[in-house]
Amino acid sequence: MKTQIIQLEPHDDIDSARDRMGWGQTSRILLVWPPRGRVLDRRLDLILLKRRAAELGSQLALVTADPEVRFYAQQLAIPVFNSVRKAERSSWRPSRRRRTKWPDTSRPLSPRLWRQRRLPLDLEGLRSAAHPPTPRWLTHLATRLTAFSLGVFSVLAIAALLLPSARLTLHPETITQRLTIPVNASPQHQSVEINGQVPAQWRPVIVEGRDTLPVSGRIPIPDRPAHGEVVFTNLSDQSLQIPAGTIVSTLDDPPVRFATQEDVTLDPTATSPPVAIQAVEPGAKGNVPAESIRAIEGPLGLNLLVVNPTATYAGSNRSAPAPSAEDYDQLYATLYAALAESALQEIQAALAPGDLLLSAEPRLRATLEKQYTPPEPQPGNQLELVLRLEFEALVVSAEDLEALARQALSAALQPAYQPLPETLRIEHRNPPRLPADREEGRWVMQASWQAIASISPQQAIRLALGLQPEQAARRLAQQLPLESQPRIQPIPSWWPRLPVLPFRFQVSLVTAP
């Protein structure tokens, strides 16, 4: 006969089981309980499953080891098997043996209670088992006294263990560690090394200033313009009008320029009489030799020729005070030195505490402004210079120096001591003062700090367990590195010995100021 086998899962409920029963169209439905977990173990669940099987016209059987399910299945006449194979080979008809009629109750009893109800109750035996007679030796006076004594002794022993406590105050030994370290600082170093290498940085600063200086030289300056005459030649076949103010010049570079002083009209291919000219700019440079004026400015130069038959004359200069080359150099050197000193002071003032300035003088990084009044070579009674410069100086930061000192001191520290970083001190025996053209500094630095002995509270407690306070103090002073005698305070103060339990101790490590 075809059988639908449904394997139940631990998460199945009555609704999912009923739905899965309707998937197949077989005359027998076998529900297999999972080996672990409890599922559908109520009597109502089995009733609903049996009704669902009846609606489908199928027989229902179970494969389970759950005693609760098997018990309720027996009440509801649902066949139960130990395995699927046995269920497939067996008949599912209910047994015709007469079943025992048990009284109905409002709620079904568990299998354990059903088994108990099948057995006759021996009330006297149960009472005797629950209240056995007391042995006579337990009521004897000696037994009672012994038990009382043991109880009192136990209470006293527990009090002796738990009541006393102690407070240990220890002053660990403190030593001063000193170390001399050769230092090499350079911008090429990228990090702090224990061999003494530390990075250095260029710190820039911008300064500006103004200074004046009386002039010490004299230069000639133009005084009167030169005069002369030129002759024009008309190269065209038309009459030309040459107005006064026409500019003629030499062919020099730069040219000397002259202006005509009168109007001239030239017939075709004619030559003019001498025309008066005057230098555009005054000064002796207007005195040019004959036949040196050859150019005409403007469109007239295409149709005319010009020449001075005689040299120009009467152009003169006069002497005036002006700064000499030495004045310019002296003023720049003076102002540069003042600005360099100011830049060094500003860099020094901007340093953080502990930073070290290596450069004896700052290095010029850039000239941002340099302006002389009057500019060379112009006359003037006083020379003024405005200078704006960017300097830089080599600096080593305090953080890098402290890092080097900590590395070196830690490497040389004794294993049984711990440093106190807040006590670190750095002293430079010969701090370098580098010239501006150097980028590496070497000097000797002395570093020191305080180191405290490492004392384990557990070790101190183990040395003092169960001893008298005086004995514990001597033992601690002998075996631990202490600055002074330990202070031991038993609680209560009259207790003769220290506790034997470690957790009854309180240890305080006090660092000497």
Protein backbone atom coordinates (compact mmCIF):
# COMPACT_ATOMS: atom_id res chain seq x y z
CA MET A 1 0.00 0.00 0.00
CA LYS A 2 1.38 3.41 -0.97
CA THR A 3 2.52 5.51 1.99
CA GLN A 4 3.22 9.26 2.14
CA ILE A 5 6.22 9.81 4.46
CA ILE A 6 6.47 13.32 5.92
CA GLN A 7 9.69 14.20 7.77
CA LEU A 8 8.92 16.88 10.36
CA GLU A 9 11.47 19.62 11.12
CA PRO A 10 12.12 21.22 14.54
CA HIS A 11 10.56 24.46 13.28
CA ASP A 12 7.32 22.87 12.00
CA ASP A 13 4.02 23.77 13.66
CA ILE A 14 0.53 22.32 13.38
CA ASP A 15 -0.39 24.48 10.37
CA SER A 16 2.67 23.53 8.31
CA ALA A 17 2.21 19.83 9.19
CA ARG A 18 -1.46 19.88 8.16
CA ASP A 19 -0.58 21.61 4.88
CA ARG A 20 2.11 19.05 4.05
CA MET A 21 -0.33 16.18 4.72
CA GLY A 22 -2.50 17.44 1.89
CA TRP A 23 0.26 17.39 -0.71
CA GLY A 24 -0.06 13.68 -1.50
CA GLN A 25 -3.03 11.49 -2.41
CA THR A 26 -2.22 8.27 -0.53
CA SER A 27 -4.20 6.06 1.76
CA ARG A 28 -1.55 6.13 4.49
CA ILE A 29 0.33 9.11 5.95
CA LEU A 30 3.40 8.53 8.11
CA LEU A 31 4.67 11.47 10.19
CA VAL A 32 8.32 11.15 11.26
CA TRP A 33 9.38 13.23 14.28
CA PRO A 34 12.89 14.77 14.27
CA PRO A 35 15.47 13.00 16.46
CA ARG A 36 16.12 16.20 18.42
CA GLY A 37 13.90 19.00 19.55
CA ARG A 38 10.30 18.95 20.66
CA VAL A 39 7.60 19.46 18.06
CA LEU A 40 3.82 18.80 18.09
CA ASP A 41 3.98 17.24 21.57
CA ARG A 42 0.56 18.38 22.76
CA ARG A 43 -2.53 16.17 22.79
CA LEU A 44 -4.43 18.83 20.81
CA ASP A 45 -1.79 18.68 18.05
CA LEU A 46 -2.35 14.94 17.58
CA ILE A 47 -6.12 15.39 17.58
CA LEU A 48 -5.87 17.99 14.80
CA LEU A 49 -3.49 15.77 12.80
CA LYS A 50 -5.84 12.79 13.13
CA ARG A 51 -8.79 14.91 11.98
CA ARG A 52 -6.81 16.13 8.98
CA ALA A 53 -5.98 12.55 8.01
CA ALA A 54 -9.66 11.64 8.32
CA GLU A 55 -10.61 14.56 6.04
CA LEU A 56 -8.13 13.28 3.44
CA GLY A 57 -9.46 9.70 3.79
CA SER A 58 -6.09 8.39 4.92
CA GLN A 59 -4.73 6.42 7.84
CA LEU A 60 -2.30 8.22 10.16
CA ALA A 61 0.74 6.72 11.89
CA LEU A 62 3.71 8.18 13.74
CA VAL A 63 7.44 7.42 14.03
CA THR A 64 8.78 9.03 17.25
CA ALA A 65 10.69 8.33 20.43
CA ASP A 66 9.10 11.20 22.37
CA PRO A 67 7.31 9.61 25.39
CA GLU A 68 4.75 12.40 25.56
CA VAL A 69 3.78 11.97 21.91
CA ARG A 70 3.66 8.19 22.21
CA PHE A 71 1.48 8.45 25.29
CA TYR A 72 -1.05 10.78 23.66
CA ALA A 73 -0.99 8.69 20.45
CA GLN A 74 -1.88 5.61 22.48
CA GLN A 75 -4.84 7.45 24.02
CA LEU A 76 -6.03 8.57 20.56
CA ALA A 77 -5.51 5.13 18.96
CA ILE A 78 -2.86 6.40 16.54
CA PRO A 79 -0.29 3.72 15.59
CA VAL A 80 3.28 4.54 16.67
CA PHE A 81 6.41 2.83 15.35
CA ASN A 82 10.09 2.97 16.18
CA SER A 83 11.31 3.29 12.56
CA VAL A 84 10.03 4.05 9.07
CA ARG A 85 10.92 0.59 7.83
CA LYS A 86 8.90 -1.10 10.53
CA ALA A 87 5.97 1.21 9.84
CA GLU A 88 6.00 0.36 6.13
CA ARG A 89 5.97 -3.40 6.86
CA SER A 90 3.32 -3.34 9.61
CA SER A 91 -0.42 -3.10 9.59
CA TRP A 92 -1.85 0.14 10.95
CA ARG A 93 -5.07 -1.33 12.30
CA PRO A 94 -5.64 -0.55 15.96
CA SER A 95 -5.31 -3.44 18.45
CA ARG A 96 -8.52 -5.18 19.49
CA ARG A 97 -7.29 -5.75 23.03
CA ARG A 98 -9.45 -4.17 25.63
CA ARG A 99 -7.91 -1.02 26.84
CA THR A 100 -8.08 0.05 30.46
CA LYS A 101 -10.57 2.78 31.05
CA TRP A 102 -9.06 5.58 33.06
CA PRO A 103 -11.15 8.30 34.61
CA ASP A 104 -11.38 11.44 32.57
CA THR A 105 -9.68 14.54 33.91
CA SER A 106 -9.86 18.15 32.93
CA ARG A 107 -6.29 17.96 31.65
CA PRO A 108 -4.38 14.84 30.52
CA LEU A 109 -1.80 13.41 32.88
CA SER A 110 1.81 12.95 31.86
CA PRO A 111 3.19 9.42 31.32
CA ARG A 112 5.04 9.63 34.64
CA LEU A 113 1.80 10.37 36.56
CA TRP A 114 -0.04 7.63 34.68
CA ARG A 115 2.62 5.12 35.67
CA GLN A 116 2.40 6.28 39.29
CA ARG A 117 -1.39 5.87 39.29
CA ARG A 118 -1.08 2.25 38.16
CA LEU A 119 0.96 1.37 41.34
CA PRO A 120 -0.67 0.95 44.80
CA LEU A 121 0.38 3.59 47.28
CA ASP A 122 2.18 2.51 50.53
CA LEU A 123 1.63 5.52 52.73
CA GLU A 124 3.44 4.10 55.79
CA GLY A 125 6.47 3.17 53.76
CA LEU A 126 6.58 6.56 52.16
CA ARG A 127 6.29 8.24 55.57
CA SER A 128 9.09 6.11 57.00
CA ALA A 129 11.30 6.84 54.00
CA ALA A 130 10.63 10.55 54.33
CA HIS A 131 11.19 10.67 58.12
CA PRO A 132 13.74 8.01 59.13
CA PRO A 133 14.36 7.60 62.91
CA THR A 134 17.30 9.57 64.36
CA PRO A 135 20.28 7.43 65.49
CA ARG A 136 20.85 7.49 69.28
CA TRP A 137 24.48 8.54 69.00
CA LEU A 138 23.43 11.80 67.42
CA THR A 139 21.56 12.78 70.58
CA HIS A 140 24.39 11.85 72.97
CA LEU A 141 25.86 14.71 75.12
CA ALA A 142 29.46 14.07 74.00
CA THR A 143 28.44 14.24 70.38
CA ARG A 144 26.67 17.52 70.93
CA LEU A 145 29.62 19.03 72.81
CA THR A 146 32.02 17.90 70.10
CA ALA A 147 29.83 19.37 67.37
CA PHE A 148 29.52 22.66 69.30
CA SER A 149 33.27 22.85 69.83
CA LEU A 150 33.92 22.18 66.18
CA GLY A 151 31.45 24.89 65.23
CA VAL A 152 33.09 27.43 67.53
CA PHE A 153 36.54 26.50 66.25
CA SER A 154 35.36 26.81 62.66
CA VAL A 155 33.93 30.25 63.34
CA LEU A 156 37.18 31.36 64.99
CA ALA A 157 39.25 29.93 62.13
CA ILE A 158 37.14 31.73 59.54
CA ALA A 159 37.41 34.95 61.56
CA ALA A 160 41.18 34.53 61.78
CA LEU A 161 41.33 34.19 58.01
CA LEU A 162 38.88 36.90 57.01
CA LEU A 163 38.97 39.44 59.81
CA PRO A 164 42.60 40.72 59.74
CA SER A 165 43.92 42.88 56.93
CA ALA A 166 47.05 44.95 56.40
CA ARG A 167 48.24 48.02 54.53
CA LEU A 168 51.77 48.05 53.08
CA THR A 169 53.33 51.39 52.13
CA LEU A 170 56.50 50.98 50.10
CA HIS A 171 58.92 53.62 48.81
CA PRO A 172 60.65 52.14 45.73
CA GLU A 173 64.27 53.14 45.18
CA THR A 174 64.80 56.07 42.79
CA ILE A 175 68.03 56.54 40.85
CA THR A 176 69.25 59.28 38.49
CA GLN A 177 70.36 58.08 35.08
CA ARG A 178 72.68 60.33 33.04
CA LEU A 179 73.98 59.83 29.53
CA THR A 180 76.21 61.86 27.19
CA ILE A 181 74.99 61.72 23.60
CA PRO A 182 76.84 63.02 20.49
CA VAL A 183 74.27 64.67 18.23
CA ASN A 184 74.37 65.12 14.46
CA ALA A 185 71.58 67.38 13.12
CA SER A 186 70.95 67.92 9.42
CA PRO A 187 68.01 68.54 7.07
CA GLN A 188 69.01 65.35 5.24
CA HIS A 189 68.04 63.20 8.25
CA GLN A 190 64.45 62.04 8.02
CA SER A 191 63.92 60.60 11.51
CA VAL A 192 65.48 60.35 14.95
CA GLU A 193 68.07 57.56 15.23
CA ILE A 194 69.58 56.17 18.40
CA ASN A 195 73.09 56.80 17.01
CA GLY A 196 72.52 60.55 17.49
CA GLN A 197 71.05 61.60 14.15
CA VAL A 198 68.15 64.05 14.37
CA PRO A 199 66.37 65.98 11.61
CA ALA A 200 66.77 69.75 11.40
CA GLN A 201 64.40 72.19 9.72
CA TRP A 202 64.88 75.55 8.03
CA ARG A 203 62.66 78.13 9.72
CA PRO A 204 61.85 81.06 7.36
CA VAL A 205 61.10 84.65 8.36
CA ILE A 206 60.42 87.81 6.33
CA VAL A 207 61.84 91.16 7.49
CA GLU A 208 61.86 94.59 5.90
CA GLY A 209 63.52 97.91 6.68
CA ARG A 210 64.43 101.36 5.42
CA ASP A 211 67.66 103.32 5.82
CA THR A 212 69.25 106.53 4.45
CA LEU A 213 72.78 107.73 3.82
CA PRO A 214 74.21 111.17 2.85
CA VAL A 215 75.68 111.01 -0.65
CA SER A 216 79.40 111.35 -1.16
CA GLY A 217 79.74 111.65 -4.97
CA ARG A 218 79.00 114.16 -7.71
CA ILE A 219 77.82 113.67 -11.27
CA PRO A 220 77.38 116.06 -14.22
CA ILE A 221 73.83 116.98 -15.08
CA PRO A 222 72.55 118.72 -18.22
CA ASP A 223 72.50 122.51 -17.98
CA ARG A 224 72.13 124.24 -21.43
CA PRO A 225 71.01 122.78 -24.78
CA ALA A 226 73.28 122.75 -27.85
CA HIS A 227 72.64 124.89 -30.97
CA GLY A 228 73.58 124.56 -34.64
CA GLU A 229 72.40 124.63 -38.27
CA VAL A 230 71.22 122.02 -40.79
CA VAL A 231 70.56 122.08 -44.54
CA PHE A 232 67.57 120.26 -46.15
CA THR A 233 67.50 118.97 -49.76
CA ASN A 234 64.18 118.29 -51.54
CA LEU A 235 64.33 114.97 -53.42
CA SER A 236 60.82 115.18 -54.86
CA ASP A 237 59.36 117.12 -57.83
CA GLN A 238 56.96 119.01 -55.58
CA SER A 239 57.29 121.90 -53.17
CA LEU A 240 57.60 120.84 -49.50
CA GLN A 241 56.74 122.78 -46.37
CA ILE A 242 59.06 122.09 -43.37
CA PRO A 243 57.41 123.48 -40.23
CA ALA A 244 59.32 124.71 -37.21
CA GLY A 245 59.75 121.97 -34.59
CA THR A 246 60.60 119.24 -37.11
CA ILE A 247 62.81 116.68 -35.33
CA VAL A 248 66.14 115.71 -36.85
CA SER A 249 68.64 113.35 -35.14
CA THR A 250 71.92 111.57 -35.35
CA LEU A 251 72.21 107.92 -36.29
CA ASP A 252 73.68 106.97 -32.90
CA ASP A 253 72.04 104.60 -30.45
CA PRO A 254 70.48 106.30 -28.65
CA PRO A 255 70.20 109.19 -31.14
CA VAL A 256 70.73 112.86 -30.21
CA ARG A 257 67.59 114.73 -31.23
CA PHE A 258 67.26 118.35 -32.39
CA ALA A 259 64.26 120.55 -33.31
CA THR A 260 64.17 123.14 -36.10
CA GLN A 261 63.55 126.73 -34.99
CA GLU A 262 61.86 128.17 -38.15
CA ASP A 263 59.51 127.28 -41.03
CA VAL A 264 61.08 126.41 -44.42
CA THR A 265 59.57 126.01 -47.89
CA LEU A 266 61.55 124.06 -50.50
CA ASP A 267 61.01 124.03 -54.22
CA PRO A 268 61.36 120.76 -56.12
CA THR A 269 64.95 119.42 -56.03
CA ALA A 270 66.06 122.60 -54.20
CA THR A 271 68.38 122.95 -51.19
CA SER A 272 67.45 125.13 -48.29
CA PRO A 273 69.58 127.80 -46.71
CA PRO A 274 70.96 126.94 -43.23
CA VAL A 275 68.12 126.32 -40.74
CA ALA A 276 68.70 126.92 -37.01
CA ILE A 277 68.26 123.88 -34.67
CA GLN A 278 68.37 123.35 -30.90
CA ALA A 279 68.91 120.11 -28.93
CA VAL A 280 65.73 118.63 -27.47
CA GLU A 281 67.56 117.74 -24.23
CA PRO A 282 70.07 120.01 -22.54
CA GLY A 283 73.61 118.95 -21.83
CA ALA A 284 76.98 118.51 -23.45
CA LYS A 285 75.80 115.38 -25.24
CA GLY A 286 74.07 117.71 -27.74
CA ASN A 287 77.50 118.90 -29.06
CA VAL A 288 77.85 116.60 -32.08
CA PRO A 289 80.37 116.88 -34.92
CA ALA A 290 79.61 118.15 -38.42
CA GLU A 291 77.66 115.91 -40.81
CA SER A 292 76.47 113.66 -37.97
CA ILE A 293 72.80 114.71 -38.18
CA ARG A 294 71.32 112.55 -40.94
CA ALA A 295 67.77 111.47 -39.94
CA ILE A 296 64.37 113.20 -40.14
CA GLU A 297 61.49 111.92 -38.01
CA GLY A 298 58.05 111.67 -39.59
CA PRO A 299 56.83 111.31 -43.22
CA LEU A 300 59.09 114.21 -44.44
CA GLY A 301 62.03 111.89 -44.09
CA LEU A 302 60.91 110.07 -47.27
CA ASN A 303 61.41 113.11 -49.51
CA LEU A 304 64.14 115.10 -47.78
CA LEU A 305 67.81 114.87 -46.95
CA VAL A 306 69.32 116.67 -43.96
CA VAL A 307 72.87 117.32 -42.80
CA ASN A 308 74.62 119.68 -40.39
CA PRO A 309 77.48 121.38 -42.23
CA THR A 310 79.07 122.45 -38.93
CA ALA A 311 79.29 120.99 -35.44
CA THR A 312 76.68 121.91 -32.86
CA TYR A 313 77.85 123.90 -29.89
CA ALA A 314 77.03 125.59 -26.56
CA GLY A 315 75.61 122.43 -24.92
CA SER A 316 76.90 122.31 -21.32
CA ASN A 317 76.62 120.32 -18.01
CA ARG A 318 76.95 121.30 -14.39
CA SER A 319 78.13 119.26 -11.39
CA ALA A 320 75.53 118.10 -8.77
CA PRO A 321 75.71 115.87 -5.65
CA ALA A 322 74.77 112.22 -6.29
CA PRO A 323 75.31 108.83 -4.63
CA SER A 324 78.44 107.02 -5.64
CA ALA A 325 78.76 103.26 -6.20
CA GLU A 326 80.36 102.98 -2.77
CA ASP A 327 77.31 104.70 -1.25
CA TYR A 328 74.99 102.09 -2.72
CA ASP A 329 77.16 99.22 -1.47
CA GLN A 330 77.61 100.70 2.00
CA LEU A 331 73.89 101.40 2.49
CA TYR A 332 72.94 97.88 1.35
CA ALA A 333 75.52 96.23 3.63
CA THR A 334 74.41 98.26 6.64
CA LEU A 335 70.70 97.60 6.14
CA TYR A 336 71.30 93.91 5.29
CA ALA A 337 73.24 93.36 8.51
CA ALA A 338 70.49 95.02 10.56
CA LEU A 339 67.78 92.94 8.90
CA ALA A 340 69.77 89.72 9.33
CA GLU A 341 70.13 90.41 13.05
CA SER A 342 66.43 91.21 13.30
CA ALA A 343 65.54 88.00 11.44
CA LEU A 344 67.68 85.94 13.80
CA GLN A 345 66.01 87.52 16.81
CA GLU A 346 62.54 86.89 15.38
CA ILE A 347 63.34 83.23 14.70
CA GLN A 348 64.78 82.89 18.21
CA ALA A 349 61.68 84.47 19.75
CA ALA A 350 59.36 82.16 17.76
CA LEU A 351 61.06 78.98 18.98
CA ALA A 352 59.10 76.65 21.25
CA PRO A 353 60.59 75.85 24.68
CA GLY A 354 63.45 73.43 24.17
CA ASP A 355 63.98 74.14 20.45
CA LEU A 356 67.62 74.69 19.53
CA LEU A 357 68.77 77.33 17.01
CA LEU A 358 71.84 76.07 15.16
CA SER A 359 72.57 78.91 12.72
CA ALA A 360 74.89 81.64 13.98
CA GLU A 361 73.51 83.91 11.27
CA PRO A 362 70.49 83.50 9.02
CA ARG A 363 70.77 82.53 5.41
CA LEU A 364 69.24 84.75 2.70
CA ARG A 365 66.46 82.84 1.00
CA ALA A 366 65.01 85.45 -1.34
CA THR A 367 65.09 89.22 -1.99
CA LEU A 368 61.46 90.30 -2.16
CA GLU A 369 62.02 94.06 -2.59
CA LYS A 370 65.07 96.29 -3.19
CA GLN A 371 64.43 99.92 -4.10
CA TYR A 372 66.93 102.83 -4.06
CA THR A 373 65.91 106.49 -4.05
CA PRO A 374 67.28 108.15 -6.18
CA PRO A 375 67.95 105.28 -8.57
CA GLU A 376 71.43 105.14 -10.06
CA PRO A 377 72.75 107.35 -11.62
CA GLN A 378 70.57 110.29 -10.66
CA PRO A 379 71.53 113.26 -8.50
CA GLY A 380 70.35 113.67 -4.97
CA ASN A 381 71.53 114.86 -1.58
CA GLN A 382 70.50 111.69 0.28
CA LEU A 383 70.35 108.00 -0.69
CA GLU A 384 67.44 105.93 0.63
CA LEU A 385 67.02 102.12 0.45
CA VAL A 386 63.88 100.05 1.08
CA LEU A 387 64.74 96.38 1.53
CA ARG A 388 62.43 93.38 2.07
CA LEU A 389 64.21 90.05 2.54
CA GLU A 390 63.32 86.47 3.41
CA PHE A 391 65.82 84.72 5.70
CA GLU A 392 65.95 81.17 7.07
CA ALA A 393 67.80 79.52 9.93
CA LEU A 394 68.44 75.89 10.90
CA VAL A 395 66.48 74.70 13.96
CA VAL A 396 66.20 71.39 15.82
CA SER A 397 62.85 70.84 17.55
CA ALA A 398 62.56 69.96 21.23
CA GLU A 399 60.40 66.93 20.36
CA ASP A 400 63.20 65.39 18.29
CA LEU A 401 65.82 66.07 20.97
CA GLU A 402 63.57 64.55 23.65
CA ALA A 403 62.88 61.53 21.45
CA LEU A 404 66.62 60.97 21.00
CA ALA A 405 67.22 61.33 24.74
CA ARG A 406 64.43 58.85 25.58
CA GLN A 407 65.70 56.29 23.10
CA ALA A 408 69.27 56.48 24.36
CA LEU A 409 68.32 56.47 28.04
CA SER A 410 65.83 53.62 27.62
CA ALA A 411 68.44 51.50 25.85
CA ALA A 412 70.88 51.96 28.77
CA LEU A 413 68.29 51.61 31.59
CA GLN A 414 68.60 48.75 34.06
CA PRO A 415 65.91 46.06 33.56
CA ALA A 416 64.54 46.33 37.11
CA TYR A 417 63.77 50.06 36.82
CA GLN A 418 61.12 52.11 35.08
CA PRO A 419 61.74 55.68 33.93
CA LEU A 420 59.77 58.73 35.04
CA PRO A 421 59.39 60.57 31.69
CA GLU A 422 58.29 63.81 33.33
CA THR A 423 61.74 64.10 34.97
CA LEU A 424 63.63 64.19 31.64
CA ARG A 425 66.26 66.95 31.51
CA ILE A 426 68.45 67.95 28.55
CA GLU A 427 71.61 70.05 28.70
CA HIS A 428 73.75 71.08 25.71
CA ARG A 429 77.41 71.17 26.61
CA ASN A 430 78.61 72.89 23.44
CA PRO A 431 75.62 73.98 21.33
CA PRO A 432 76.74 74.66 17.75
CA ARG A 433 76.55 78.03 16.07
CA LEU A 434 76.70 77.26 12.38
CA PRO A 435 77.64 79.77 9.66
CA ALA A 436 74.96 80.53 7.12
CA ASP A 437 76.56 78.31 4.45
CA ARG A 438 76.51 75.09 6.52
CA GLU A 439 73.65 72.62 6.87
CA GLU A 440 74.96 70.19 9.49
CA GLY A 441 75.53 70.64 13.19
CA ARG A 442 77.46 68.44 15.63
CA TRP A 443 77.54 68.89 19.39
CA VAL A 444 77.34 66.96 22.66
CA MET A 445 74.11 66.71 24.65
CA GLN A 446 73.70 65.39 28.18
CA ALA A 447 70.34 63.77 29.03
CA SER A 448 69.14 62.62 32.43
CA TRP A 449 65.97 61.42 34.14
CA GLN A 450 64.80 59.70 37.28
CA ALA A 451 64.15 55.94 37.25
CA ILE A 452 62.14 54.08 39.87
CA ALA A 453 62.55 50.45 40.89
CA SER A 454 59.85 48.11 39.57
CA ILE A 455 58.14 46.42 42.53
CA SER A 456 55.24 44.03 42.02
CA PRO A 457 52.52 44.31 44.69
CA GLN A 458 51.99 40.54 44.44
CA GLN A 459 55.68 39.95 45.18
CA ALA A 460 55.53 42.20 48.25
CA ILE A 461 52.40 40.39 49.48
CA ARG A 462 54.01 36.96 49.07
CA LEU A 463 57.01 38.08 51.16
CA ALA A 464 54.78 39.34 53.99
CA LEU A 465 52.11 36.60 54.21
CA GLY A 466 51.51 35.36 57.76
CA LEU A 467 54.57 37.08 59.29
CA GLN A 468 54.75 39.39 62.24
CA PRO A 469 54.93 43.08 61.19
CA GLU A 470 58.59 43.42 62.30
CA GLN A 471 59.63 40.26 60.47
CA ALA A 472 57.77 41.33 57.35
CA ALA A 473 59.42 44.77 57.40
CA ARG A 474 62.93 43.25 57.63
CA ARG A 475 62.19 40.77 54.87
CA LEU A 476 60.79 43.39 52.53
CA ALA A 477 63.77 45.71 53.13
CA GLN A 478 66.22 42.89 52.39
CA GLN A 479 64.63 41.52 49.22
CA LEU A 480 63.11 44.60 47.59
CA PRO A 481 64.87 47.75 46.27
CA LEU A 482 63.39 50.32 48.65
CA GLU A 483 64.33 53.93 49.31
CA SER A 484 63.40 53.66 52.99
CA GLN A 485 61.94 51.20 55.50
CA PRO A 486 58.48 49.91 54.55
CA ARG A 487 55.50 50.95 56.61
CA ILE A 488 53.25 48.06 57.70
CA GLN A 489 49.89 48.75 59.32
CA PRO A 490 47.92 45.66 60.48
CA ILE A 491 44.15 46.04 60.82
CA PRO A 492 43.16 45.75 63.62
CA SER A 493 46.36 47.19 65.01
CA TRP A 494 46.56 44.70 67.90
CA TRP A 495 46.52 41.67 65.60
CA PRO A 496 49.86 39.86 66.09
CA ARG A 497 50.37 38.59 62.54
CA LEU A 498 49.69 39.71 59.03
CA PRO A 499 46.91 38.03 57.02
CA VAL A 500 47.49 34.71 55.28
CA LEU A 501 45.11 35.54 52.44
CA PRO A 502 46.63 37.74 49.68
CA PHE A 503 43.41 39.62 48.97
CA ARG A 504 43.41 41.01 52.53
CA PHE A 505 46.48 43.15 51.71
CA GLN A 506 46.48 46.69 50.34
CA VAL A 507 49.80 47.79 48.79
CA SER A 508 50.67 51.46 48.11
CA LEU A 509 53.78 52.40 46.09
CA VAL A 510 54.83 55.95 46.94
CA THR A 511 57.42 57.79 44.86
CA ALA A 512 59.71 60.08 46.82
CA PRO A 513 59.37 63.75 45.77
